[in-house]
N, C-alpha and C. Protein backbone atom coordinates (compact mmCIF):
# COMPACT_ATOMS: atom_id res chain seq x y z
N UNK A 1 85.61 122.19 73.47
CA UNK A 1 85.03 121.87 74.77
C UNK A 1 84.82 123.15 75.57
N UNK A 2 83.62 123.33 76.07
CA UNK A 2 83.31 124.53 76.84
C UNK A 2 83.63 124.28 78.31
N UNK A 3 84.45 125.16 78.87
CA UNK A 3 84.77 125.07 80.30
C UNK A 3 84.02 126.15 81.04
N UNK A 4 83.84 125.94 82.35
CA UNK A 4 83.25 126.96 83.20
C UNK A 4 84.36 127.58 84.02
N UNK A 5 84.63 128.85 83.78
CA UNK A 5 85.66 129.58 84.51
C UNK A 5 84.97 130.38 85.61
N UNK A 6 85.64 130.52 86.76
CA UNK A 6 85.02 131.23 87.87
C UNK A 6 85.75 132.53 88.16
N UNK A 7 84.96 133.59 88.40
CA UNK A 7 85.49 134.88 88.82
C UNK A 7 84.87 135.16 90.19
N UNK A 8 85.72 135.34 91.20
CA UNK A 8 85.21 135.57 92.56
C UNK A 8 85.31 137.04 92.92
N UNK A 9 84.23 137.57 93.49
CA UNK A 9 84.18 138.96 93.92
C UNK A 9 83.82 139.01 95.40
N UNK A 10 84.08 140.17 96.02
CA UNK A 10 83.62 140.38 97.38
C UNK A 10 82.72 141.62 97.37
N UNK A 11 81.83 141.74 98.35
CA UNK A 11 80.86 142.85 98.35
C UNK A 11 81.50 144.24 98.40
N UNK A 12 82.67 144.37 99.03
CA UNK A 12 83.29 145.70 99.15
C UNK A 12 84.45 145.85 98.16
N UNK A 13 84.25 145.38 96.93
CA UNK A 13 85.29 145.43 95.89
C UNK A 13 85.42 146.86 95.36
N UNK A 14 86.65 147.26 95.09
CA UNK A 14 86.94 148.59 94.57
C UNK A 14 86.70 148.61 93.05
N UNK A 15 86.47 149.78 92.49
CA UNK A 15 86.18 149.90 91.05
C UNK A 15 87.31 149.34 90.19
N UNK A 16 88.57 149.64 90.55
CA UNK A 16 89.69 149.16 89.75
C UNK A 16 89.79 147.64 89.79
N UNK A 17 89.56 147.07 90.97
CA UNK A 17 89.60 145.61 91.09
C UNK A 17 88.46 144.99 90.28
N UNK A 18 87.30 145.63 90.31
CA UNK A 18 86.15 145.13 89.56
C UNK A 18 86.45 145.15 88.06
N UNK A 19 87.08 146.23 87.59
CA UNK A 19 87.43 146.32 86.17
C UNK A 19 88.43 145.24 85.77
N UNK A 20 89.36 144.91 86.67
CA UNK A 20 90.32 143.84 86.40
C UNK A 20 89.60 142.50 86.26
N UNK A 21 88.64 142.24 87.16
CA UNK A 21 87.88 140.99 87.11
C UNK A 21 87.02 140.93 85.84
N UNK A 22 86.47 142.09 85.43
CA UNK A 22 85.65 142.15 84.23
C UNK A 22 86.50 141.83 83.00
N UNK A 23 87.72 142.36 82.94
CA UNK A 23 88.56 142.07 81.78
C UNK A 23 88.98 140.61 81.75
N UNK A 24 89.18 139.99 82.92
CA UNK A 24 89.50 138.56 82.97
C UNK A 24 88.31 137.74 82.45
N UNK A 25 87.11 138.11 82.88
CA UNK A 25 85.90 137.40 82.44
C UNK A 25 85.71 137.59 80.93
N UNK A 26 86.04 138.78 80.42
CA UNK A 26 85.91 139.05 78.99
C UNK A 26 86.82 138.11 78.18
N UNK A 27 88.04 137.88 78.67
CA UNK A 27 88.96 136.97 77.98
C UNK A 27 88.40 135.55 77.96
N UNK A 28 87.83 135.12 79.09
CA UNK A 28 87.23 133.78 79.15
C UNK A 28 86.09 133.65 78.15
N UNK A 29 85.23 134.68 78.09
CA UNK A 29 84.08 134.65 77.19
C UNK A 29 84.51 134.66 75.73
N UNK A 30 85.57 135.42 75.41
CA UNK A 30 86.06 135.48 74.03
C UNK A 30 86.60 134.13 73.57
N UNK A 31 87.08 133.32 74.52
CA UNK A 31 87.56 131.98 74.19
C UNK A 31 86.41 130.98 74.09
N UNK A 32 85.18 131.45 74.39
CA UNK A 32 84.01 130.58 74.26
C UNK A 32 83.63 129.85 75.53
N UNK A 33 84.27 130.20 76.64
CA UNK A 33 83.95 129.54 77.91
C UNK A 33 82.76 130.21 78.60
N UNK A 34 82.13 129.48 79.51
CA UNK A 34 81.11 130.08 80.37
C UNK A 34 81.84 130.68 81.57
N UNK A 35 81.23 131.70 82.16
CA UNK A 35 81.84 132.33 83.33
C UNK A 35 80.87 132.26 84.50
N UNK A 36 81.35 131.73 85.61
CA UNK A 36 80.58 131.68 86.85
C UNK A 36 81.08 132.83 87.71
N UNK A 37 80.20 133.80 87.97
CA UNK A 37 80.57 134.95 88.78
C UNK A 37 80.05 134.71 90.19
N UNK A 38 80.96 134.65 91.15
CA UNK A 38 80.59 134.36 92.53
C UNK A 38 80.88 135.58 93.40
N UNK A 39 79.86 136.03 94.11
CA UNK A 39 80.00 137.14 95.06
C UNK A 39 79.96 136.53 96.45
N UNK A 40 81.12 136.43 97.10
CA UNK A 40 81.21 135.73 98.38
C UNK A 40 81.06 136.68 99.56
N UNK A 41 80.29 136.25 100.54
CA UNK A 41 80.05 137.04 101.75
C UNK A 41 80.72 136.39 102.93
N UNK A 42 81.39 137.19 103.76
CA UNK A 42 82.07 136.68 104.94
C UNK A 42 81.59 137.42 106.18
N UNK A 43 81.36 136.69 107.25
CA UNK A 43 80.97 137.31 108.51
C UNK A 43 79.67 138.07 108.42
N UNK A 44 79.71 139.33 108.82
CA UNK A 44 78.49 140.14 108.86
C UNK A 44 78.03 140.64 107.50
N UNK A 45 78.84 140.47 106.49
CA UNK A 45 78.46 140.91 105.14
C UNK A 45 77.19 140.20 104.67
N UNK A 46 76.94 139.03 105.22
CA UNK A 46 75.77 138.22 104.82
C UNK A 46 74.46 138.98 105.04
N UNK A 47 74.43 139.88 106.02
CA UNK A 47 73.22 140.65 106.31
C UNK A 47 72.89 141.63 105.19
N UNK A 48 73.88 141.99 104.40
CA UNK A 48 73.70 142.96 103.30
C UNK A 48 73.65 142.27 101.94
N UNK A 49 73.27 141.01 101.90
CA UNK A 49 73.30 140.25 100.64
C UNK A 49 72.47 140.90 99.55
N UNK A 50 71.24 141.30 99.84
CA UNK A 50 70.38 141.90 98.82
C UNK A 50 70.88 143.25 98.36
N UNK A 51 71.52 144.00 99.25
CA UNK A 51 72.06 145.32 98.89
C UNK A 51 73.25 145.21 97.95
N UNK A 52 73.93 144.06 97.97
CA UNK A 52 75.13 143.88 97.14
C UNK A 52 74.83 143.25 95.79
N UNK A 53 73.57 142.94 95.53
CA UNK A 53 73.19 142.30 94.26
C UNK A 53 73.52 143.19 93.06
N UNK A 54 73.55 144.51 93.27
CA UNK A 54 73.84 145.44 92.18
C UNK A 54 75.24 145.23 91.60
N UNK A 55 76.17 144.67 92.39
CA UNK A 55 77.52 144.41 91.89
C UNK A 55 77.48 143.40 90.75
N UNK A 56 76.70 142.33 90.93
CA UNK A 56 76.55 141.33 89.87
C UNK A 56 75.82 141.92 88.67
N UNK A 57 74.82 142.76 88.93
CA UNK A 57 74.09 143.40 87.83
C UNK A 57 75.02 144.28 87.00
N UNK A 58 75.88 145.06 87.68
CA UNK A 58 76.84 145.92 86.98
C UNK A 58 77.82 145.08 86.17
N UNK A 59 78.25 143.96 86.76
CA UNK A 59 79.19 143.06 86.10
C UNK A 59 78.60 142.56 84.78
N UNK A 60 77.35 142.09 84.85
CA UNK A 60 76.67 141.58 83.65
C UNK A 60 76.45 142.70 82.64
N UNK A 61 76.13 143.89 83.14
CA UNK A 61 75.87 145.05 82.27
C UNK A 61 77.11 145.42 81.46
N UNK A 62 78.28 145.40 82.12
CA UNK A 62 79.52 145.80 81.45
C UNK A 62 79.98 144.76 80.43
N UNK A 63 79.51 143.52 80.57
CA UNK A 63 79.86 142.47 79.61
C UNK A 63 78.72 142.15 78.65
N UNK A 64 77.66 142.96 78.67
CA UNK A 64 76.47 142.66 77.88
C UNK A 64 76.72 142.71 76.37
N UNK A 65 77.80 143.38 75.93
CA UNK A 65 78.09 143.43 74.50
C UNK A 65 78.54 142.08 73.95
N UNK A 66 79.19 141.25 74.79
CA UNK A 66 79.67 139.95 74.29
C UNK A 66 79.06 138.75 75.03
N UNK A 67 78.24 139.02 76.05
CA UNK A 67 77.69 137.89 76.81
C UNK A 67 76.22 138.10 77.15
N UNK A 68 75.58 136.99 77.52
CA UNK A 68 74.21 137.05 78.01
C UNK A 68 74.15 136.25 79.30
N UNK A 69 73.17 136.56 80.13
CA UNK A 69 73.03 135.88 81.41
C UNK A 69 72.42 134.50 81.17
N UNK A 70 73.18 133.47 81.52
CA UNK A 70 72.73 132.10 81.36
C UNK A 70 71.79 131.72 82.51
N UNK A 71 72.26 131.97 83.74
CA UNK A 71 71.43 131.76 84.93
C UNK A 71 71.54 133.02 85.77
N UNK A 72 70.41 133.67 86.07
CA UNK A 72 70.46 134.90 86.88
C UNK A 72 70.98 134.63 88.29
N UNK A 73 71.37 135.70 88.98
CA UNK A 73 71.98 135.54 90.30
C UNK A 73 71.01 134.93 91.30
N UNK A 74 71.53 133.96 92.05
CA UNK A 74 70.74 133.37 93.12
C UNK A 74 71.65 133.00 94.27
N UNK A 75 71.10 132.99 95.46
CA UNK A 75 71.88 132.73 96.66
C UNK A 75 72.18 131.24 96.78
N UNK A 76 73.44 130.93 97.04
CA UNK A 76 73.86 129.56 97.32
C UNK A 76 74.73 129.63 98.57
N UNK A 77 74.14 129.33 99.71
CA UNK A 77 74.89 129.40 100.96
C UNK A 77 75.31 130.81 101.28
N UNK A 78 76.61 131.03 101.39
CA UNK A 78 77.14 132.36 101.73
C UNK A 78 77.55 133.16 100.51
N UNK A 79 77.02 132.82 99.33
CA UNK A 79 77.40 133.56 98.13
C UNK A 79 76.24 133.70 97.16
N UNK A 80 76.36 134.71 96.30
CA UNK A 80 75.44 134.89 95.18
C UNK A 80 76.17 134.42 93.93
N UNK A 81 75.50 133.60 93.12
CA UNK A 81 76.15 133.02 91.95
C UNK A 81 75.34 133.37 90.69
N UNK A 82 76.08 133.73 89.62
CA UNK A 82 75.44 134.04 88.34
C UNK A 82 76.31 133.45 87.23
N UNK A 83 75.68 132.94 86.17
CA UNK A 83 76.42 132.36 85.06
C UNK A 83 76.24 133.23 83.81
N UNK A 84 77.34 133.48 83.11
CA UNK A 84 77.33 134.24 81.85
C UNK A 84 77.79 133.32 80.73
N UNK A 85 77.19 133.48 79.56
CA UNK A 85 77.55 132.70 78.38
C UNK A 85 77.88 133.67 77.25
N UNK A 86 78.85 133.30 76.43
CA UNK A 86 79.21 134.14 75.28
C UNK A 86 78.06 134.14 74.28
N UNK A 87 77.80 135.32 73.68
CA UNK A 87 76.75 135.42 72.66
C UNK A 87 77.21 134.74 71.39
N UNK A 88 76.28 134.14 70.70
CA UNK A 88 76.60 133.52 69.40
C UNK A 88 76.62 134.62 68.34
N UNK A 89 77.60 134.52 67.45
CA UNK A 89 77.70 135.53 66.39
C UNK A 89 76.75 135.24 65.25
């Protein structure tokens, strides 16, 4: 059974924190689950939504060896959401 696991990020995430989230997502993908990557905006961060899209792009790039983008990033309310799926061997 394929589950959808969620990884939540914020726009001002540090590199080390981002790497931790990436390794968590990698474990989910290796188990065959889908990963929902959510970039949440709070307060005034919403004004910089388009400028923060590169965080999701980097996230997908670093996992591109074992995953592919199922649904590209799109705005849902106060967050950007993207779905990753494990590549078939």
